[in-house]
């Protein structure tokens, strides 16, 4: 495939205060893009988990890149639309939208509907609202791109992550529908599914006692996101597995202390797995 340059492109990344979003913003800037970093956590209003969009912007600027902070509550439709408008006003257009932000709360069928709805608002509705608002600008761009970030929870029924998983499989379906509808506009819409453990600040905070020795730094996942955004417009409607993309393209070389032994599923799981570890073990034997 032809390698598309990101030099001078304008990218908007949600969830850019920490983890994969922050790493993707920094990596896009290193590739020559001007980056709008959106999230709720700012220097003036930090959240409980470490990281702010102001810190991400400073990382970009310290490396010689161009970035701006766009404080945004992604559960608020008006703020999501204003987020897109702010990026366009500041940089004169928009070429790339990375829908990365996501939240979750532990619980399955007993999870309160208020929390369930908040997960859906941020993880699924906000990407749709942002994409709709961005479309006029992406159509005017020479090579518009939308990249949605998903999770293995989209395919596997992980205990405590029911609503999160529903939101992510919905995001993957949204990817396919947008890719179909926008193909004639030359806008590529793809999905990057994180199915290798990544040590983002959020997951480390939620699982402080877990063995993190086979978890990758967020920079590794960001490399895969940027690789996908480098592809031509004909590369669209793709739901890429981080694990599969790594082995197929030879990118995202592991930086973990020990190799990750699991082989994630690539299609929606059918049945009732005894445990996630058991599921990966069976899949590994089957392959």
Protein backbone atom coordinates (compact mmCIF):
# COMPACT_ATOMS: atom_id res chain seq x y z
CA UNK A 1 0.00 0.00 0.00
CA UNK A 2 1.03 3.61 -0.55
CA UNK A 3 2.27 5.30 2.60
CA UNK A 4 0.25 8.51 3.10
CA UNK A 5 2.10 11.41 4.71
CA UNK A 6 0.64 12.98 7.85
CA UNK A 7 2.81 16.09 7.54
CA UNK A 8 0.69 19.19 8.09
CA UNK A 9 -2.51 17.22 8.73
CA UNK A 10 -4.85 18.27 11.53
CA UNK A 11 -5.77 15.51 13.97
CA UNK A 12 -8.26 15.52 16.83
CA UNK A 13 -7.72 12.84 19.49
CA UNK A 14 -10.21 12.19 22.28
CA UNK A 15 -9.15 10.76 25.62
CA UNK A 16 -5.78 12.43 25.08
CA UNK A 17 -5.03 13.16 28.72
CA UNK A 18 -3.42 9.79 29.36
CA UNK A 19 -2.81 6.27 28.10
CA UNK A 20 -3.25 5.34 24.46
CA UNK A 21 -4.90 8.67 23.60
CA UNK A 22 -1.99 10.72 24.91
CA UNK A 23 0.52 8.39 23.24
CA UNK A 24 -1.38 8.60 19.93
CA UNK A 25 -1.42 12.40 20.10
CA UNK A 26 2.34 12.51 20.68
CA UNK A 27 2.98 9.96 17.90
CA UNK A 28 0.79 11.84 15.42
CA UNK A 29 2.64 15.06 16.19
CA UNK A 30 5.95 13.25 15.68
CA UNK A 31 4.64 12.21 12.24
CA UNK A 32 4.06 15.87 11.38
CA UNK A 33 0.41 16.38 12.30
CA UNK A 34 -0.99 19.29 14.28
CA UNK A 35 -2.96 17.79 17.14
CA UNK A 36 -5.98 18.87 19.14
CA UNK A 37 -5.99 16.97 22.44
CA UNK A 38 -9.45 16.52 23.95
CA UNK A 39 -10.45 15.17 27.36
CA UNK A 40 -12.03 16.33 30.59
CA UNK A 41 -8.86 16.24 32.70
CA UNK A 42 -6.93 19.52 32.66
CA UNK A 43 -4.27 21.14 34.82
CA UNK A 44 -6.96 23.29 36.39
CA UNK A 45 -9.41 20.41 36.80
CA UNK A 46 -7.48 17.11 37.09
CA UNK A 47 -9.20 13.77 37.58
CA UNK A 48 -8.32 11.03 40.05
CA UNK A 49 -6.31 9.10 37.44
CA UNK A 50 -2.97 10.74 36.53
CA UNK A 51 -2.65 12.70 33.31
CA UNK A 52 -4.07 15.89 31.76
CA UNK A 53 -4.42 17.23 28.23
CA UNK A 54 -2.14 20.11 29.23
CA UNK A 55 0.63 17.60 29.99
CA UNK A 56 0.09 15.92 26.63
CA UNK A 57 0.27 19.26 24.82
CA UNK A 58 3.50 20.07 26.66
CA UNK A 59 5.00 16.72 25.59
CA UNK A 60 4.17 17.51 21.97
CA UNK A 61 5.53 21.04 22.14
CA UNK A 62 8.69 19.97 23.95
CA UNK A 63 9.40 17.63 21.03
CA UNK A 64 8.91 20.47 18.55
CA UNK A 65 5.34 19.64 17.53
CA UNK A 66 2.17 21.71 17.46
CA UNK A 67 -0.77 20.92 19.73
CA UNK A 68 -3.66 22.49 21.58
CA UNK A 69 -5.79 21.44 24.56
CA UNK A 70 -9.56 21.20 24.12
CA UNK A 71 -11.25 20.59 27.51
CA UNK A 72 -14.30 18.46 26.76
CA UNK A 73 -16.88 16.46 28.67
CA UNK A 74 -17.64 13.80 26.07
CA UNK A 75 -20.92 12.93 27.77
CA UNK A 76 -22.24 16.34 26.73
CA UNK A 77 -23.31 16.47 23.06
CA UNK A 78 -22.89 20.24 22.81
CA UNK A 79 -19.35 20.01 24.17
CA UNK A 80 -18.47 17.25 21.69
CA UNK A 81 -19.63 19.44 18.81
CA UNK A 82 -17.77 22.44 20.26
CA UNK A 83 -14.65 20.26 20.52
CA UNK A 84 -14.66 19.64 16.76
CA UNK A 85 -15.36 23.31 16.05
CA UNK A 86 -12.47 24.39 18.30
CA UNK A 87 -9.97 22.19 16.46
CA UNK A 88 -11.16 23.45 13.09
CA UNK A 89 -11.05 27.09 14.19
CA UNK A 90 -7.56 26.79 15.66
CA UNK A 91 -5.96 24.84 12.82
CA UNK A 92 -8.09 25.81 9.83
CA UNK A 93 -9.56 22.40 9.11
CA UNK A 94 -9.65 18.78 10.17
CA UNK A 95 -8.14 15.72 8.48
CA UNK A 96 -8.15 13.03 11.18
CA UNK A 97 -10.52 12.13 13.99
CA UNK A 98 -9.36 9.54 16.53
CA UNK A 99 -12.23 8.38 18.75
CA UNK A 100 -10.24 6.90 21.61
CA UNK A 101 -11.93 8.08 24.82
CA UNK A 102 -13.75 5.49 26.90
CA UNK A 103 -14.93 4.92 30.45
CA UNK A 104 -16.25 1.96 32.37
CA UNK A 105 -17.63 1.03 35.77
CA UNK A 106 -17.52 -2.47 37.29
CA UNK A 107 -20.78 -4.36 37.08
CA UNK A 108 -22.94 -6.32 34.68
CA UNK A 109 -26.73 -6.62 34.69
CA UNK A 110 -26.93 -4.94 38.12
CA UNK A 111 -24.95 -1.88 36.99
CA UNK A 112 -27.08 1.21 37.50
CA UNK A 113 -28.72 2.47 34.33
CA UNK A 114 -27.26 5.92 35.01
CA UNK A 115 -23.76 4.48 34.78
CA UNK A 116 -24.73 2.26 31.85
CA UNK A 117 -25.99 5.31 29.97
CA UNK A 118 -22.84 7.31 30.78
CA UNK A 119 -20.69 4.51 29.33
CA UNK A 120 -22.78 4.53 26.16
CA UNK A 121 -22.72 8.33 25.93
CA UNK A 122 -18.92 8.54 26.08
CA UNK A 123 -17.87 5.30 24.38
CA UNK A 124 -20.42 5.13 21.56
CA UNK A 125 -22.58 8.23 21.24
CA UNK A 126 -19.70 10.73 21.44
CA UNK A 127 -17.81 9.09 18.51
CA UNK A 128 -20.99 9.29 16.43
CA UNK A 129 -21.62 12.93 17.38
CA UNK A 130 -17.98 13.86 16.73
CA UNK A 131 -17.96 12.05 13.38
CA UNK A 132 -21.15 13.78 12.25
CA UNK A 133 -19.78 17.19 13.23
CA UNK A 134 -16.44 16.46 11.56
CA UNK A 135 -17.85 15.22 8.25
CA UNK A 136 -18.02 18.54 6.37
CA UNK A 137 -14.38 19.18 7.23
CA UNK A 138 -13.25 15.62 6.49
CA UNK A 139 -14.99 15.82 3.11
CA UNK A 140 -13.02 18.97 2.31
CA UNK A 141 -9.77 17.35 3.43
CA UNK A 142 -7.56 15.70 0.85
CA UNK A 143 -7.66 12.41 2.72
CA UNK A 144 -10.10 12.42 5.63
CA UNK A 145 -9.71 9.72 8.26
CA UNK A 146 -11.73 8.40 11.21
CA UNK A 147 -10.07 5.88 13.52
CA UNK A 148 -12.08 4.26 16.32
CA UNK A 149 -10.30 2.52 19.20
CA UNK A 150 -11.93 -0.68 20.43
CA UNK A 151 -11.12 -3.43 22.92
CA UNK A 152 -11.11 -7.21 23.17
CA UNK A 153 -14.09 -6.68 25.48
CA UNK A 154 -16.10 -6.08 22.30
CA UNK A 155 -15.77 -9.76 21.45
CA UNK A 156 -15.38 -11.53 24.78
CA UNK A 157 -17.87 -11.46 27.70
CA UNK A 158 -15.46 -10.21 30.38
CA UNK A 159 -16.92 -10.28 33.90
CA UNK A 160 -17.75 -6.78 35.14
CA UNK A 161 -17.46 -5.15 31.70
CA UNK A 162 -20.84 -5.85 30.12
CA UNK A 163 -21.78 -2.26 29.26
CA UNK A 164 -18.22 -1.46 28.19
CA UNK A 165 -18.19 -4.49 25.87
CA UNK A 166 -21.57 -3.56 24.40
CA UNK A 167 -20.33 -0.04 23.70
CA UNK A 168 -17.20 -1.34 21.98
CA UNK A 169 -18.91 -3.87 19.72
CA UNK A 170 -21.31 -1.05 18.85
CA UNK A 171 -18.32 1.15 17.99
CA UNK A 172 -16.96 -1.56 15.70
CA UNK A 173 -20.32 -1.79 13.92
CA UNK A 174 -20.40 2.01 13.62
CA UNK A 175 -16.97 1.78 11.97
CA UNK A 176 -18.28 -0.56 9.28
CA UNK A 177 -21.39 1.51 8.59
CA UNK A 178 -19.47 4.78 8.37
CA UNK A 179 -16.86 3.17 6.11
CA UNK A 180 -19.60 2.01 3.75
CA UNK A 181 -21.35 5.37 3.68
CA UNK A 182 -18.24 7.54 3.39
CA UNK A 183 -16.18 5.50 0.93
CA UNK A 184 -17.28 7.58 -2.07
CA UNK A 185 -16.20 10.71 -0.19
CA UNK A 186 -12.67 9.33 0.07
CA UNK A 187 -12.92 9.19 3.88
CA UNK A 188 -11.36 6.06 5.36
CA UNK A 189 -12.97 4.75 8.55
CA UNK A 190 -11.20 2.01 10.49
CA UNK A 191 -11.05 0.41 13.93
CA UNK A 192 -8.02 -0.51 16.04
CA UNK A 193 -8.89 -3.18 18.62
CA UNK A 194 -6.59 -3.40 21.64
CA UNK A 195 -6.44 -7.10 22.45
CA UNK A 196 -2.96 -7.18 23.96
CA UNK A 197 -2.60 -5.91 27.56
CA UNK A 198 -1.61 -2.23 27.52
CA UNK A 199 -0.43 -0.47 30.68
CA UNK A 200 -2.43 2.72 30.31
CA UNK A 201 -2.79 4.75 33.49
CA UNK A 202 -6.47 3.86 33.73
CA UNK A 203 -6.00 0.10 33.57
CA UNK A 204 -3.02 0.13 35.91
CA UNK A 205 -5.05 2.15 38.42
CA UNK A 206 -7.99 -0.24 38.16
CA UNK A 207 -5.79 -3.35 38.47
CA UNK A 208 -2.95 -2.28 40.78
CA UNK A 209 -2.28 -5.82 42.04
CA UNK A 210 -2.19 -7.49 38.62
CA UNK A 211 1.00 -8.84 37.08
CA UNK A 212 1.94 -6.11 34.59
CA UNK A 213 5.08 -7.78 33.27
CA UNK A 214 3.47 -8.73 29.94
CA UNK A 215 1.65 -5.38 29.52
CA UNK A 216 2.85 -3.06 26.76
CA UNK A 217 3.42 0.68 27.23
CA UNK A 218 0.79 2.85 25.54
CA UNK A 219 3.36 3.97 22.95
CA UNK A 220 3.25 0.50 21.40
CA UNK A 221 -0.49 0.68 20.74
CA UNK A 222 -0.09 4.25 19.42
CA UNK A 223 2.34 2.94 16.80
CA UNK A 224 -0.42 0.72 15.40
CA UNK A 225 -2.91 3.60 15.32
CA UNK A 226 -0.51 5.82 13.41
CA UNK A 227 0.30 2.97 11.00
CA UNK A 228 -3.40 2.66 10.16
CA UNK A 229 -3.71 6.41 9.59
CA UNK A 230 -0.78 6.27 7.15
CA UNK A 231 -2.72 3.93 4.84
CA UNK A 232 -4.48 5.15 1.66
CA UNK A 233 -8.21 5.84 1.36
CA UNK A 234 -8.75 2.39 -0.17
CA UNK A 235 -7.84 0.94 3.24
CA UNK A 236 -11.22 1.37 4.91
CA UNK A 237 -13.77 -0.66 6.83
CA UNK A 238 -10.98 -2.55 8.58
CA UNK A 239 -11.26 -3.84 12.15
CA UNK A 240 -7.65 -4.54 13.02
CA UNK A 241 -6.58 -6.59 15.99
CA UNK A 242 -3.49 -5.18 17.73
CA UNK A 243 -2.21 -8.76 18.09
CA UNK A 244 -2.95 -9.63 14.45
CA UNK A 245 -1.57 -6.39 13.03
CA UNK A 246 1.64 -6.82 15.01
CA UNK A 247 2.26 -10.28 13.57
CA UNK A 248 1.09 -9.51 10.03
CA UNK A 249 2.93 -6.21 9.52
CA UNK A 250 5.89 -6.67 11.89
CA UNK A 251 5.10 -3.46 13.77
CA UNK A 252 4.50 -2.66 17.45
CA UNK A 253 7.51 -4.67 18.59
CA UNK A 254 6.99 -5.74 22.18
CA UNK A 255 8.60 -3.70 24.95
CA UNK A 256 7.14 -5.74 27.82
CA UNK A 257 9.28 -7.65 30.29
CA UNK A 258 7.95 -10.97 29.03
CA UNK A 259 5.98 -11.99 25.92
CA UNK A 260 2.20 -11.98 26.10
CA UNK A 261 1.09 -15.60 25.82
CA UNK A 262 -2.58 -15.20 24.96
CA UNK A 263 -4.07 -15.35 21.49
CA UNK A 264 -7.22 -13.20 21.51
CA UNK A 265 -10.32 -14.06 19.52
CA UNK A 266 -11.01 -12.03 16.38
CA UNK A 267 -14.76 -12.60 16.06
CA UNK A 268 -17.61 -12.32 18.54
CA UNK A 269 -17.26 -15.19 21.00
CA UNK A 270 -20.05 -17.75 21.15
CA UNK A 271 -20.76 -19.70 24.32
CA UNK A 272 -19.89 -19.23 27.98
CA UNK A 273 -16.13 -19.16 28.63
CA UNK A 274 -14.98 -20.58 31.96
CA UNK A 275 -12.59 -17.66 32.25
CA UNK A 276 -10.78 -15.22 29.99
CA UNK A 277 -7.48 -17.05 30.56
CA UNK A 278 -9.09 -20.34 29.63
CA UNK A 279 -10.58 -18.84 26.49
CA UNK A 280 -7.21 -17.57 25.27
CA UNK A 281 -5.60 -20.93 26.06
CA UNK A 282 -8.16 -22.82 23.99
CA UNK A 283 -7.84 -20.38 21.09
CA UNK A 284 -4.06 -20.71 21.16
CA UNK A 285 -4.29 -24.51 20.94
CA UNK A 286 -6.79 -24.27 18.10
CA UNK A 287 -4.46 -22.08 16.04
